[in-house]
């Protein structure tokens, strides 16, 4: 315990205290306060009204809460975006939550956002779905949990296609031996992760582009031309496992062999691809500038977008501390709260 207290002091963290029951857990005659929420100086200076309240023992024996009366709308919004939604990110790498689970979590987040207290009702001015989206469209800047889970399914597929980690090598060895991953299908007895990947593989594959390099990539199914795969250009679904390297000859393209395999317009596209045989092939995410996978870009591609407005953009400034309520689209059922905070 002394080492833990020394760590708190050395890290310049502060326990701001609490109200409510002094103990949050008990076993027989042993009573303890297990919950301690620590803050640094930056948080305390910006959110001076932050307060910790322990629920009564009849409601919970281990649950401190940030009291709604002492946390502003802006503070709750920051807490949701930076903490609550971020916690689930690590779970979505391995778990694929059902629609029902996502809806229950979103209801809890939405109640917290609009200041509903435990056991009491409150006016929820807008649903979580209507609040989700980019700020320039009149939303509050966070994502629905369903979209997040869907985006992380895309990331799983990208990681598997990278074939770098032990997990990706195992998945390819188990489900994709002797065939392109797109030609692998879920069957009874397969893992839930593979089933999850099979549901999004066609959508995610459109985000993948390959750097040619040594040519150890699929000739027909992979997008190494830059515009699309040869299969997509020909509107075919090939089961071939032919690799691009098989069309190399003496450090250049084997033109006679290519002419036998593809029509002239595709041959011209192939000849425009620069050869760098000494380099290793690489996987690229075609929605980002540097080729690395970006959840944000996937989300922007799959979400239902709305027209952006300069009005909304100008409302989100860092120089005001004024919460503003207004109706979006002229409908009282769709109300967005714009919280302007530094």
C-alpha atoms as a PDB file:
ATOM      1  CA  UNK A   1       0.000   0.000   0.000  1.00  0.00           C
ATOM      2  CA  UNK A   2       2.880   2.360   0.732  1.00  0.00           C
ATOM      3  CA  UNK A   3       4.305   1.767  -2.740  1.00  0.00           C
ATOM      4  CA  UNK A   4       0.907   2.544  -4.256  1.00  0.00           C
ATOM      5  CA  UNK A   5       0.608   5.783  -2.286  1.00  0.00           C
ATOM      6  CA  UNK A   6       4.130   6.760  -3.320  1.00  0.00           C
ATOM      7  CA  UNK A   7       3.202   6.172  -6.955  1.00  0.00           C
ATOM      8  CA  UNK A   8       0.194   8.493  -6.579  1.00  0.00           C
ATOM      9  CA  UNK A   9       2.350  11.240  -5.098  1.00  0.00           C
ATOM     10  CA  UNK A  10       5.121  10.850  -7.664  1.00  0.00           C
ATOM     11  CA  UNK A  11       2.595  10.974 -10.514  1.00  0.00           C
ATOM     12  CA  UNK A  12       1.068  14.169  -9.115  1.00  0.00           C
ATOM     13  CA  UNK A  13      -2.393  12.599  -8.880  1.00  0.00           C
ATOM     14  CA  UNK A  14      -5.029  13.677  -6.372  1.00  0.00           C
ATOM     15  CA  UNK A  15      -7.898  11.907  -4.661  1.00  0.00           C
ATOM     16  CA  UNK A  16     -10.582  14.596  -4.429  1.00  0.00           C
ATOM     17  CA  UNK A  17     -12.658  12.682  -1.915  1.00  0.00           C
ATOM     18  CA  UNK A  18     -16.271  11.576  -2.093  1.00  0.00           C
ATOM     19  CA  UNK A  19     -19.731  11.899  -0.620  1.00  0.00           C
ATOM     20  CA  UNK A  20     -22.137   9.183   0.401  1.00  0.00           C
ATOM     21  CA  UNK A  21     -21.290   5.886   2.061  1.00  0.00           C
ATOM     22  CA  UNK A  22     -17.734   5.638   3.349  1.00  0.00           C
ATOM     23  CA  UNK A  23     -17.407   1.997   2.320  1.00  0.00           C
ATOM     24  CA  UNK A  24     -18.149   0.504  -1.098  1.00  0.00           C
ATOM     25  CA  UNK A  25     -17.527  -3.181  -0.337  1.00  0.00           C
ATOM     26  CA  UNK A  26     -17.824  -5.545   2.564  1.00  0.00           C
ATOM     27  CA  UNK A  27     -17.321  -9.199   3.352  1.00  0.00           C
ATOM     28  CA  UNK A  28     -18.638 -10.192   6.727  1.00  0.00           C
ATOM     29  CA  UNK A  29     -17.221  -7.730   9.223  1.00  0.00           C
ATOM     30  CA  UNK A  30     -14.597  -6.444   6.791  1.00  0.00           C
ATOM     31  CA  UNK A  31     -15.541  -3.088   5.259  1.00  0.00           C
ATOM     32  CA  UNK A  32     -13.419  -1.304   2.664  1.00  0.00           C
ATOM     33  CA  UNK A  33     -13.512   1.633   0.296  1.00  0.00           C
ATOM     34  CA  UNK A  34     -12.264  -0.001  -2.899  1.00  0.00           C
ATOM     35  CA  UNK A  35     -13.032   2.857  -5.256  1.00  0.00           C
ATOM     36  CA  UNK A  36     -10.579   5.699  -5.657  1.00  0.00           C
ATOM     37  CA  UNK A  37     -10.765   8.020  -8.635  1.00  0.00           C
ATOM     38  CA  UNK A  38      -7.619  10.063  -9.184  1.00  0.00           C
ATOM     39  CA  UNK A  39      -7.247  13.300 -11.136  1.00  0.00           C
ATOM     40  CA  UNK A  40      -4.286  15.311 -12.332  1.00  0.00           C
ATOM     41  CA  UNK A  41      -3.964  19.083 -12.005  1.00  0.00           C
ATOM     42  CA  UNK A  42      -5.123  19.766 -15.574  1.00  0.00           C
ATOM     43  CA  UNK A  43      -8.461  18.030 -14.988  1.00  0.00           C
ATOM     44  CA  UNK A  44      -8.998  19.711 -11.621  1.00  0.00           C
ATOM     45  CA  UNK A  45      -8.289  23.176 -13.066  1.00  0.00           C
ATOM     46  CA  UNK A  46     -10.670  22.689 -16.000  1.00  0.00           C
ATOM     47  CA  UNK A  47     -13.431  20.856 -14.133  1.00  0.00           C
ATOM     48  CA  UNK A  48     -13.418  22.305 -10.651  1.00  0.00           C
ATOM     49  CA  UNK A  49     -16.941  21.081  -9.894  1.00  0.00           C
ATOM     50  CA  UNK A  50     -16.103  17.409 -10.412  1.00  0.00           C
ATOM     51  CA  UNK A  51     -17.465  15.378  -7.536  1.00  0.00           C
ATOM     52  CA  UNK A  52     -17.532  11.674  -6.621  1.00  0.00           C
ATOM     53  CA  UNK A  53     -20.669  10.188  -5.105  1.00  0.00           C
ATOM     54  CA  UNK A  54     -20.945   6.626  -3.794  1.00  0.00           C
ATOM     55  CA  UNK A  55     -24.284   4.943  -4.284  1.00  0.00           C
ATOM     56  CA  UNK A  56     -26.065   3.730  -1.207  1.00  0.00           C
ATOM     57  CA  UNK A  57     -25.515   0.128  -0.170  1.00  0.00           C
ATOM     58  CA  UNK A  58     -29.068  -0.781  -1.167  1.00  0.00           C
ATOM     59  CA  UNK A  59     -28.355   0.156  -4.784  1.00  0.00           C
ATOM     60  CA  UNK A  60     -24.808  -1.066  -5.161  1.00  0.00           C
ATOM     61  CA  UNK A  61     -21.982  -2.280  -2.976  1.00  0.00           C
ATOM     62  CA  UNK A  62     -19.251  -1.187  -5.339  1.00  0.00           C
ATOM     63  CA  UNK A  63     -20.078   1.669  -7.678  1.00  0.00           C
ATOM     64  CA  UNK A  64     -18.844   5.263  -7.446  1.00  0.00           C
ATOM     65  CA  UNK A  65     -20.478   7.759  -9.770  1.00  0.00           C
ATOM     66  CA  UNK A  66     -19.663  11.191 -11.084  1.00  0.00           C
ATOM     67  CA  UNK A  67     -22.659  13.100  -9.821  1.00  0.00           C
ATOM     68  CA  UNK A  68     -24.750  14.566 -12.617  1.00  0.00           C
ATOM     69  CA  UNK A  69     -25.360  17.779 -10.707  1.00  0.00           C
ATOM     70  CA  UNK A  70     -21.640  18.539 -10.707  1.00  0.00           C
ATOM     71  CA  UNK A  71     -20.742  17.480 -14.252  1.00  0.00           C
ATOM     72  CA  UNK A  72     -21.676  19.797 -17.117  1.00  0.00           C
ATOM     73  CA  UNK A  73     -23.061  18.721 -20.479  1.00  0.00           C
ATOM     74  CA  UNK A  74     -19.639  19.331 -21.971  1.00  0.00           C
ATOM     75  CA  UNK A  75     -17.992  17.244 -19.265  1.00  0.00           C
ATOM     76  CA  UNK A  76     -20.376  14.346 -19.855  1.00  0.00           C
ATOM     77  CA  UNK A  77     -19.790  14.550 -23.593  1.00  0.00           C
ATOM     78  CA  UNK A  78     -16.012  14.441 -23.119  1.00  0.00           C
ATOM     79  CA  UNK A  79     -16.357  11.530 -20.705  1.00  0.00           C
ATOM     80  CA  UNK A  80     -18.467   9.553 -23.181  1.00  0.00           C
ATOM     81  CA  UNK A  81     -16.207  10.196 -26.164  1.00  0.00           C
ATOM     82  CA  UNK A  82     -12.875   9.797 -24.397  1.00  0.00           C
ATOM     83  CA  UNK A  83     -13.613   7.129 -21.802  1.00  0.00           C
ATOM     84  CA  UNK A  84     -16.856   5.176 -22.085  1.00  0.00           C
ATOM     85  CA  UNK A  85     -16.737   4.600 -25.847  1.00  0.00           C
ATOM     86  CA  UNK A  86     -12.981   4.013 -25.776  1.00  0.00           C
ATOM     87  CA  UNK A  87     -13.279   1.187 -23.247  1.00  0.00           C
ATOM     88  CA  UNK A  88     -15.355  -0.819 -25.718  1.00  0.00           C
ATOM     89  CA  UNK A  89     -12.785  -0.431 -28.487  1.00  0.00           C
ATOM     90  CA  UNK A  90     -10.595  -3.120 -26.976  1.00  0.00           C
ATOM     91  CA  UNK A  91     -13.541  -5.507 -26.676  1.00  0.00           C
ATOM     92  CA  UNK A  92     -14.641  -5.036 -30.288  1.00  0.00           C
ATOM     93  CA  UNK A  93     -11.323  -6.456 -31.493  1.00  0.00           C
ATOM     94  CA  UNK A  94     -12.428  -9.901 -30.351  1.00  0.00           C
ATOM     95  CA  UNK A  95     -16.150  -9.680 -29.589  1.00  0.00           C
ATOM     96  CA  UNK A  96     -18.950  -9.019 -32.031  1.00  0.00           C
ATOM     97  CA  UNK A  97     -21.812  -7.637 -29.918  1.00  0.00           C
ATOM     98  CA  UNK A  98     -25.375  -8.243 -30.967  1.00  0.00           C
ATOM     99  CA  UNK A  99     -27.697  -5.432 -31.953  1.00  0.00           C
ATOM    100  CA  UNK A 100     -29.565  -5.834 -28.673  1.00  0.00           C
ATOM    101  CA  UNK A 101     -26.406  -5.388 -26.587  1.00  0.00           C
ATOM    102  CA  UNK A 102     -25.411  -2.299 -28.562  1.00  0.00           C
ATOM    103  CA  UNK A 103     -28.847  -0.770 -28.093  1.00  0.00           C
ATOM    104  CA  UNK A 104     -28.795  -1.359 -24.332  1.00  0.00           C
ATOM    105  CA  UNK A 105     -25.370   0.234 -23.982  1.00  0.00           C
ATOM    106  CA  UNK A 106     -26.395   3.175 -26.149  1.00  0.00           C
ATOM    107  CA  UNK A 107     -29.477   3.760 -23.986  1.00  0.00           C
ATOM    108  CA  UNK A 108     -27.245   3.883 -20.913  1.00  0.00           C
ATOM    109  CA  UNK A 109     -24.850   6.325 -22.579  1.00  0.00           C
ATOM    110  CA  UNK A 110     -27.741   8.451 -23.797  1.00  0.00           C
ATOM    111  CA  UNK A 111     -29.283   8.679 -20.323  1.00  0.00           C
ATOM    112  CA  UNK A 112     -25.924   9.702 -18.912  1.00  0.00           C
ATOM    113  CA  UNK A 113     -25.496  12.322 -21.647  1.00  0.00           C
ATOM    114  CA  UNK A 114     -28.837  13.977 -20.922  1.00  0.00           C
ATOM    115  CA  UNK A 115     -28.428  13.902 -17.134  1.00  0.00           C
ATOM    116  CA  UNK A 116     -30.737  11.068 -16.113  1.00  0.00           C
ATOM    117  CA  UNK A 117     -30.006   9.922 -12.568  1.00  0.00           C
ATOM    118  CA  UNK A 118     -30.148   6.359 -11.304  1.00  0.00           C
ATOM    119  CA  UNK A 119     -33.729   5.342 -10.621  1.00  0.00           C
ATOM    120  CA  UNK A 120     -35.149   8.621 -11.921  1.00  0.00           C
ATOM    121  CA  UNK A 121     -36.568   9.575 -15.287  1.00  0.00           C
ATOM    122  CA  UNK A 122     -35.341  12.486 -17.372  1.00  0.00           C
ATOM    123  CA  UNK A 123     -36.094  14.118 -20.692  1.00  0.00           C
ATOM    124  CA  UNK A 124     -33.920  12.563 -23.404  1.00  0.00           C
ATOM    125  CA  UNK A 125     -33.883  15.311 -26.002  1.00  0.00           C
ATOM    126  CA  UNK A 126     -32.529  13.086 -28.767  1.00  0.00           C
ATOM    127  CA  UNK A 127     -31.737   9.430 -29.326  1.00  0.00           C
ATOM    128  CA  UNK A 128     -28.154   8.184 -29.416  1.00  0.00           C
ATOM    129  CA  UNK A 129     -28.490   7.511 -33.133  1.00  0.00           C
ATOM    130  CA  UNK A 130     -29.587  11.086 -33.862  1.00  0.00           C
ATOM    131  CA  UNK A 131     -26.665  12.432 -31.814  1.00  0.00           C
ATOM    132  CA  UNK A 132     -24.081  10.236 -33.531  1.00  0.00           C
ATOM    133  CA  UNK A 133     -22.157  11.714 -36.431  1.00  0.00           C
ATOM    134  CA  UNK A 134     -19.711  14.470 -37.275  1.00  0.00           C
ATOM    135  CA  UNK A 135     -20.135  17.901 -35.741  1.00  0.00           C
ATOM    136  CA  UNK A 136     -20.282  19.657 -39.118  1.00  0.00           C
ATOM    137  CA  UNK A 137     -23.557  17.811 -39.784  1.00  0.00           C
ATOM    138  CA  UNK A 138     -25.187  18.934 -36.546  1.00  0.00           C
ATOM    139  CA  UNK A 139     -24.195  15.890 -34.502  1.00  0.00           C
ATOM    140  CA  UNK A 140     -22.089  15.505 -31.374  1.00  0.00           C
ATOM    141  CA  UNK A 141     -19.044  13.776 -32.821  1.00  0.00           C
ATOM    142  CA  UNK A 142     -19.328  10.201 -31.590  1.00  0.00           C
ATOM    143  CA  UNK A 143     -20.190   6.903 -33.278  1.00  0.00           C
ATOM    144  CA  UNK A 144     -22.884   4.310 -32.742  1.00  0.00           C
ATOM    145  CA  UNK A 145     -21.648   1.104 -31.156  1.00  0.00           C
ATOM    146  CA  UNK A 146     -22.967  -0.892 -34.106  1.00  0.00           C
ATOM    147  CA  UNK A 147     -20.815   1.139 -36.479  1.00  0.00           C
ATOM    148  CA  UNK A 148     -17.793   0.715 -34.219  1.00  0.00           C
ATOM    149  CA  UNK A 149     -18.189  -3.059 -34.103  1.00  0.00           C
ATOM    150  CA  UNK A 150     -18.626  -3.136 -37.881  1.00  0.00           C
ATOM    151  CA  UNK A 151     -15.483  -1.057 -38.405  1.00  0.00           C
ATOM    152  CA  UNK A 152     -13.439  -3.338 -36.200  1.00  0.00           C
ATOM    153  CA  UNK A 153     -14.603  -6.305 -38.245  1.00  0.00           C
ATOM    154  CA  UNK A 154     -12.997  -4.534 -41.188  1.00  0.00           C
ATOM    155  CA  UNK A 155      -9.800  -4.122 -39.185  1.00  0.00           C
ATOM    156  CA  UNK A 156      -9.757  -7.833 -38.348  1.00  0.00           C
ATOM    157  CA  UNK A 157      -9.981  -8.696 -42.039  1.00  0.00           C
ATOM    158  CA  UNK A 158      -7.217  -6.235 -42.879  1.00  0.00           C
ATOM    159  CA  UNK A 159      -4.980  -7.712 -40.171  1.00  0.00           C
ATOM    160  CA  UNK A 160      -5.632 -11.231 -41.409  1.00  0.00           C
ATOM    161  CA  UNK A 161      -4.832 -10.276 -45.002  1.00  0.00           C
ATOM    162  CA  UNK A 162      -1.597  -8.672 -43.799  1.00  0.00           C
ATOM    163  CA  UNK A 163      -0.413 -12.153 -42.768  1.00  0.00           C
ATOM    164  CA  UNK A 164       2.083 -10.721 -40.277  1.00  0.00           C
ATOM    165  CA  UNK A 165       0.894 -11.694 -36.803  1.00  0.00           C
ATOM    166  CA  UNK A 166       0.697 -15.208 -35.403  1.00  0.00           C
ATOM    167  CA  UNK A 167      -3.099 -14.928 -35.367  1.00  0.00           C
ATOM    168  CA  UNK A 168      -3.311 -13.988 -39.067  1.00  0.00           C
ATOM    169  CA  UNK A 169      -0.979 -16.822 -40.063  1.00  0.00           C
ATOM    170  CA  UNK A 170      -3.117 -19.252 -38.073  1.00  0.00           C
ATOM    171  CA  UNK A 171      -6.378 -18.033 -39.653  1.00  0.00           C
ATOM    172  CA  UNK A 172      -5.008 -18.250 -43.184  1.00  0.00           C
ATOM    173  CA  UNK A 173      -3.519 -21.679 -42.521  1.00  0.00           C
ATOM    174  CA  UNK A 174      -6.784 -22.974 -41.089  1.00  0.00           C
ATOM    175  CA  UNK A 175      -9.357 -21.474 -43.450  1.00  0.00           C
ATOM    176  CA  UNK A 176      -7.575 -20.316 -46.611  1.00  0.00           C
ATOM    177  CA  UNK A 177      -5.113 -23.054 -47.601  1.00  0.00           C
ATOM    178  CA  UNK A 178      -5.023 -23.484 -51.380  1.00  0.00           C
ATOM    179  CA  UNK A 179      -7.439 -20.626 -52.076  1.00  0.00           C
ATOM    180  CA  UNK A 180      -7.825 -16.896 -51.904  1.00  0.00           C
ATOM    181  CA  UNK A 181      -9.414 -15.707 -48.619  1.00  0.00           C
ATOM    182  CA  UNK A 182     -12.389 -14.358 -50.587  1.00  0.00           C
ATOM    183  CA  UNK A 183     -13.103 -17.904 -51.743  1.00  0.00           C
ATOM    184  CA  UNK A 184     -13.252 -19.204 -48.174  1.00  0.00           C
ATOM    185  CA  UNK A 185     -16.694 -19.602 -46.632  1.00  0.00           C
ATOM    186  CA  UNK A 186     -18.096 -20.201 -43.188  1.00  0.00           C
ATOM    187  CA  UNK A 187     -19.358 -23.675 -42.413  1.00  0.00           C
ATOM    188  CA  UNK A 188     -20.769 -25.366 -39.350  1.00  0.00           C
ATOM    189  CA  UNK A 189     -18.142 -25.823 -36.682  1.00  0.00           C
ATOM    190  CA  UNK A 190     -15.980 -22.858 -37.733  1.00  0.00           C
ATOM    191  CA  UNK A 191     -15.069 -20.166 -35.223  1.00  0.00           C
ATOM    192  CA  UNK A 192     -17.281 -17.140 -34.650  1.00  0.00           C
ATOM    193  CA  UNK A 193     -14.371 -14.885 -35.641  1.00  0.00           C
ATOM    194  CA  UNK A 194     -14.206 -16.514 -39.074  1.00  0.00           C
ATOM    195  CA  UNK A 195     -17.980 -16.187 -39.428  1.00  0.00           C
ATOM    196  CA  UNK A 196     -17.658 -12.515 -38.535  1.00  0.00           C
ATOM    197  CA  UNK A 197     -14.968 -12.035 -41.191  1.00  0.00           C
ATOM    198  CA  UNK A 198     -16.986 -13.834 -43.849  1.00  0.00           C
ATOM    199  CA  UNK A 199     -19.875 -11.390 -43.419  1.00  0.00           C
ATOM    200  CA  UNK A 200     -17.766  -8.334 -44.324  1.00  0.00           C
ATOM    201  CA  UNK A 201     -14.998  -9.707 -46.542  1.00  0.00           C
ATOM    202  CA  UNK A 202     -16.389  -8.394 -49.840  1.00  0.00           C
ATOM    203  CA  UNK A 203     -16.927  -4.880 -48.471  1.00  0.00           C
ATOM    204  CA  UNK A 204     -13.523  -4.709 -46.768  1.00  0.00           C
ATOM    205  CA  UNK A 205     -11.629  -6.105 -49.751  1.00  0.00           C
ATOM    206  CA  UNK A 206     -12.609  -3.000 -51.714  1.00  0.00           C
ATOM    207  CA  UNK A 207     -10.501  -0.937 -49.253  1.00  0.00           C
ATOM    208  CA  UNK A 208      -7.371  -3.037 -49.820  1.00  0.00           C
ATOM    209  CA  UNK A 209      -4.703  -2.347 -52.415  1.00  0.00           C
ATOM    210  CA  UNK A 210      -1.398  -4.155 -52.844  1.00  0.00           C
ATOM    211  CA  UNK A 211       2.110  -2.955 -53.521  1.00  0.00           C
ATOM    212  CA  UNK A 212       3.409  -5.331 -56.177  1.00  0.00           C
ATOM    213  CA  UNK A 213       6.974  -5.896 -55.016  1.00  0.00           C
ATOM    214  CA  UNK A 214       8.181  -9.469 -55.493  1.00  0.00           C
ATOM    215  CA  UNK A 215       4.741 -10.479 -56.745  1.00  0.00           C
ATOM    216  CA  UNK A 216       3.697 -12.898 -54.006  1.00  0.00           C
ATOM    217  CA  UNK A 217       0.050 -11.826 -54.305  1.00  0.00           C
ATOM    218  CA  UNK A 218      -2.911 -13.301 -56.149  1.00  0.00           C
ATOM    219  CA  UNK A 219      -3.020 -12.372 -59.828  1.00  0.00           C
ATOM    220  CA  UNK A 220      -6.793 -12.446 -60.348  1.00  0.00           C
ATOM    221  CA  UNK A 221      -8.393 -11.587 -56.999  1.00  0.00           C
ATOM    222  CA  UNK A 222      -6.084  -8.976 -55.427  1.00  0.00           C
ATOM    223  CA  UNK A 223      -6.189  -5.298 -56.336  1.00  0.00           C
ATOM    224  CA  UNK A 224      -2.607  -4.584 -57.426  1.00  0.00           C
ATOM    225  CA  UNK A 225      -3.507  -2.533 -60.513  1.00  0.00           C
ATOM    226  CA  UNK A 226      -4.548   0.442 -58.392  1.00  0.00           C
ATOM    227  CA  UNK A 227      -8.070   0.745 -59.773  1.00  0.00           C
ATOM    228  CA  UNK A 228      -9.500  -2.709 -59.077  1.00  0.00           C
ATOM    229  CA  UNK A 229      -8.732  -6.404 -59.230  1.00  0.00           C
ATOM    230  CA  UNK A 230      -8.690  -8.193 -62.573  1.00  0.00           C
ATOM    231  CA  UNK A 231     -11.639 -10.304 -61.439  1.00  0.00           C
ATOM    232  CA  UNK A 232     -13.718  -7.183 -60.839  1.00  0.00           C
ATOM    233  CA  UNK A 233     -12.720  -5.657 -64.170  1.00  0.00           C
ATOM    234  CA  UNK A 234     -13.780  -8.827 -65.988  1.00  0.00           C
ATOM    235  CA  UNK A 235     -16.803  -9.379 -63.713  1.00  0.00           C
ATOM    236  CA  UNK A 236     -15.586 -12.890 -62.884  1.00  0.00           C
ATOM    237  CA  UNK A 237     -14.959 -14.929 -59.730  1.00  0.00           C
ATOM    238  CA  UNK A 238     -11.803 -16.951 -60.278  1.00  0.00           C
ATOM    239  CA  UNK A 239     -10.747 -19.873 -58.081  1.00  0.00           C
ATOM    240  CA  UNK A 240      -7.199 -19.690 -59.399  1.00  0.00           C
ATOM    241  CA  UNK A 241      -4.317 -19.359 -56.928  1.00  0.00           C
ATOM    242  CA  UNK A 242      -1.984 -18.002 -59.596  1.00  0.00           C
ATOM    243  CA  UNK A 243       0.484 -15.410 -58.256  1.00  0.00           C
ATOM    244  CA  UNK A 244       1.718 -12.270 -60.016  1.00  0.00           C
ATOM    245  CA  UNK A 245       5.317 -13.503 -59.751  1.00  0.00           C
ATOM    246  CA  UNK A 246       4.504 -16.242 -62.264  1.00  0.00           C
ATOM    247  CA  UNK A 247       4.259 -13.536 -64.935  1.00  0.00           C
ATOM    248  CA  UNK A 248       7.766 -12.209 -64.296  1.00  0.00           C
ATOM    249  CA  UNK A 249      10.577 -13.088 -66.660  1.00  0.00           C
ATOM    250  CA  UNK A 250      14.137 -11.822 -66.281  1.00  0.00           C
ATOM    251  CA  UNK A 251      13.057  -8.872 -64.153  1.00  0.00           C
ATOM    252  CA  UNK A 252      10.279  -7.763 -66.524  1.00  0.00           C
ATOM    253  CA  UNK A 253       6.767  -8.736 -67.550  1.00  0.00           C
ATOM    254  CA  UNK A 254       6.282 -11.907 -69.578  1.00  0.00           C
ATOM    255  CA  UNK A 255       4.269 -10.197 -72.309  1.00  0.00           C
ATOM    256  CA  UNK A 256       3.412 -13.290 -74.404  1.00  0.00           C
ATOM    257  CA  UNK A 257       2.000 -15.058 -71.340  1.00  0.00           C
ATOM    258  CA  UNK A 258       0.050 -11.989 -70.258  1.00  0.00           C
ATOM    259  CA  UNK A 259      -1.392 -11.564 -73.755  1.00  0.00           C
ATOM    260  CA  UNK A 260      -2.733 -15.118 -73.579  1.00  0.00           C
ATOM    261  CA  UNK A 261      -4.378 -14.589 -70.198  1.00  0.00           C
ATOM    262  CA  UNK A 262      -5.971 -11.130 -70.260  1.00  0.00           C
ATOM    263  CA  UNK A 263      -7.561  -8.798 -72.843  1.00  0.00           C
ATOM    264  CA  UNK A 264      -5.659  -5.833 -74.240  1.00  0.00           C
ATOM    265  CA  UNK A 265      -7.195  -3.132 -72.030  1.00  0.00           C
ATOM    266  CA  UNK A 266      -6.103  -4.998 -68.899  1.00  0.00           C
ATOM    267  CA  UNK A 267      -2.689  -5.660 -70.428  1.00  0.00           C
ATOM    268  CA  UNK A 268      -2.250  -1.901 -70.839  1.00  0.00           C
ATOM    269  CA  UNK A 269      -3.147  -1.371 -67.177  1.00  0.00           C
ATOM    270  CA  UNK A 270      -0.606  -4.002 -66.138  1.00  0.00           C
ATOM    271  CA  UNK A 271       2.164  -2.383 -68.162  1.00  0.00           C
ATOM    272  CA  UNK A 272       1.498   0.919 -66.377  1.00  0.00           C
ATOM    273  CA  UNK A 273       2.334  -0.687 -63.021  1.00  0.00           C
ATOM    274  CA  UNK A 274       6.019  -0.058 -62.164  1.00  0.00           C
ATOM    275  CA  UNK A 275       8.015  -3.161 -61.294  1.00  0.00           C
ATOM    276  CA  UNK A 276      10.052  -3.234 -58.088  1.00  0.00           C
ATOM    277  CA  UNK A 277      10.856  -6.909 -57.883  1.00  0.00           C
ATOM    278  CA  UNK A 278      13.558  -6.491 -55.244  1.00  0.00           C
ATOM    279  CA  UNK A 279      10.994  -5.000 -52.830  1.00  0.00           C
ATOM    280  CA  UNK A 280       8.664  -7.034 -50.628  1.00  0.00           C
ATOM    281  CA  UNK A 281       4.994  -6.929 -51.491  1.00  0.00           C
ATOM    282  CA  UNK A 282       2.868  -4.904 -49.059  1.00  0.00           C
ATOM    283  CA  UNK A 283      -0.765  -4.402 -48.182  1.00  0.00           C
ATOM    284  CA  UNK A 284      -2.183  -0.874 -48.337  1.00  0.00           C
ATOM    285  CA  UNK A 285      -5.372   0.746 -47.099  1.00  0.00           C
ATOM    286  CA  UNK A 286      -6.548   2.817 -50.047  1.00  0.00           C
ATOM    287  CA  UNK A 287      -8.588   5.306 -47.987  1.00  0.00           C
ATOM    288  CA  UNK A 288      -5.610   6.734 -46.079  1.00  0.00           C
ATOM    289  CA  UNK A 289      -2.719   8.826 -47.348  1.00  0.00           C
ATOM    290  CA  UNK A 290       0.021   6.628 -45.893  1.00  0.00           C
ATOM    291  CA  UNK A 291      -1.583   3.256 -46.621  1.00  0.00           C
ATOM    292  CA  UNK A 292      -2.112   2.316 -42.976  1.00  0.00           C
ATOM    293  CA  UNK A 293      -5.502   1.152 -41.738  1.00  0.00           C
ATOM    294  CA  UNK A 294      -7.697   3.905 -40.263  1.00  0.00           C
ATOM    295  CA  UNK A 295     -10.941   3.185 -38.410  1.00  0.00           C
ATOM    296  CA  UNK A 296     -12.058   6.770 -38.972  1.00  0.00           C
ATOM    297  CA  UNK A 297     -11.878   6.423 -42.756  1.00  0.00           C
ATOM    298  CA  UNK A 298     -13.850   3.172 -42.669  1.00  0.00           C
ATOM    299  CA  UNK A 299     -16.506   4.808 -40.536  1.00  0.00           C
ATOM    300  CA  UNK A 300     -16.840   7.740 -42.920  1.00  0.00           C
ATOM    301  CA  UNK A 301     -17.254   5.272 -45.786  1.00  0.00           C
ATOM    302  CA  UNK A 302     -19.994   3.142 -44.216  1.00  0.00           C
ATOM    303  CA  UNK A 303     -22.012   5.683 -42.231  1.00  0.00           C
ATOM    304  CA  UNK A 304     -25.087   7.514 -43.445  1.00  0.00           C
ATOM    305  CA  UNK A 305     -23.798  11.020 -44.048  1.00  0.00           C
ATOM    306  CA  UNK A 306     -25.797  14.242 -44.205  1.00  0.00           C
ATOM    307  CA  UNK A 307     -25.011  17.616 -45.783  1.00  0.00           C
ATOM    308  CA  UNK A 308     -22.464  19.643 -43.845  1.00  0.00           C
ATOM    309  CA  UNK A 309     -23.210  23.184 -42.775  1.00  0.00           C
ATOM    310  CA  UNK A 310     -20.954  26.104 -41.904  1.00  0.00           C
ATOM    311  CA  UNK A 311     -23.416  26.977 -39.160  1.00  0.00           C
ATOM    312  CA  UNK A 312     -22.572  23.798 -37.274  1.00  0.00           C
ATOM    313  CA  UNK A 313     -18.858  24.197 -37.964  1.00  0.00           C
ATOM    314  CA  UNK A 314     -18.840  27.730 -36.576  1.00  0.00           C
ATOM    315  CA  UNK A 315     -20.761  26.697 -33.464  1.00  0.00           C
ATOM    316  CA  UNK A 316     -17.959  24.391 -32.327  1.00  0.00           C
ATOM    317  CA  UNK A 317     -15.402  26.942 -31.209  1.00  0.00           C
ATOM    318  CA  UNK A 318     -12.934  26.679 -28.351  1.00  0.00           C
ATOM    319  CA  UNK A 319     -13.408  30.209 -27.087  1.00  0.00           C
ATOM    320  CA  UNK A 320     -16.930  29.962 -25.672  1.00  0.00           C
ATOM    321  CA  UNK A 321     -18.437  28.157 -22.718  1.00  0.00           C
ATOM    322  CA  UNK A 322     -22.030  28.467 -23.829  1.00  0.00           C
ATOM    323  CA  UNK A 323     -24.327  25.452 -24.297  1.00  0.00           C
ATOM    324  CA  UNK A 324     -26.774  26.006 -27.128  1.00  0.00           C
ATOM    325  CA  UNK A 325     -29.982  24.134 -27.875  1.00  0.00           C
ATOM    326  CA  UNK A 326     -31.610  24.302 -31.280  1.00  0.00           C
ATOM    327  CA  UNK A 327     -33.810  22.263 -33.561  1.00  0.00           C
ATOM    328  CA  UNK A 328     -32.175  20.481 -36.469  1.00  0.00           C
ATOM    329  CA  UNK A 329     -34.183  20.099 -39.649  1.00  0.00           C
ATOM    330  CA  UNK A 330     -37.119  21.962 -38.128  1.00  0.00           C
ATOM    331  CA  UNK A 331     -38.294  18.892 -36.246  1.00  0.00           C
ATOM    332  CA  UNK A 332     -38.774  18.953 -32.466  1.00  0.00           C
ATOM    333  CA  UNK A 333     -38.077  15.223 -32.350  1.00  0.00           C
ATOM    334  CA  UNK A 334     -34.501  15.752 -33.543  1.00  0.00           C
ATOM    335  CA  UNK A 335     -32.790  18.121 -31.152  1.00  0.00           C
ATOM    336  CA  UNK A 336     -29.020  18.447 -31.017  1.00  0.00           C
ATOM    337  CA  UNK A 337     -27.169  19.933 -28.102  1.00  0.00           C
ATOM    338  CA  UNK A 338     -24.067  21.825 -29.144  1.00  0.00           C
ATOM    339  CA  UNK A 339     -21.697  22.049 -26.212  1.00  0.00           C
ATOM    340  CA  UNK A 340     -18.983  24.614 -26.713  1.00  0.00           C
ATOM    341  CA  UNK A 341     -16.085  24.138 -24.367  1.00  0.00           C
ATOM    342  CA  UNK A 342     -12.386  24.835 -24.249  1.00  0.00           C
END
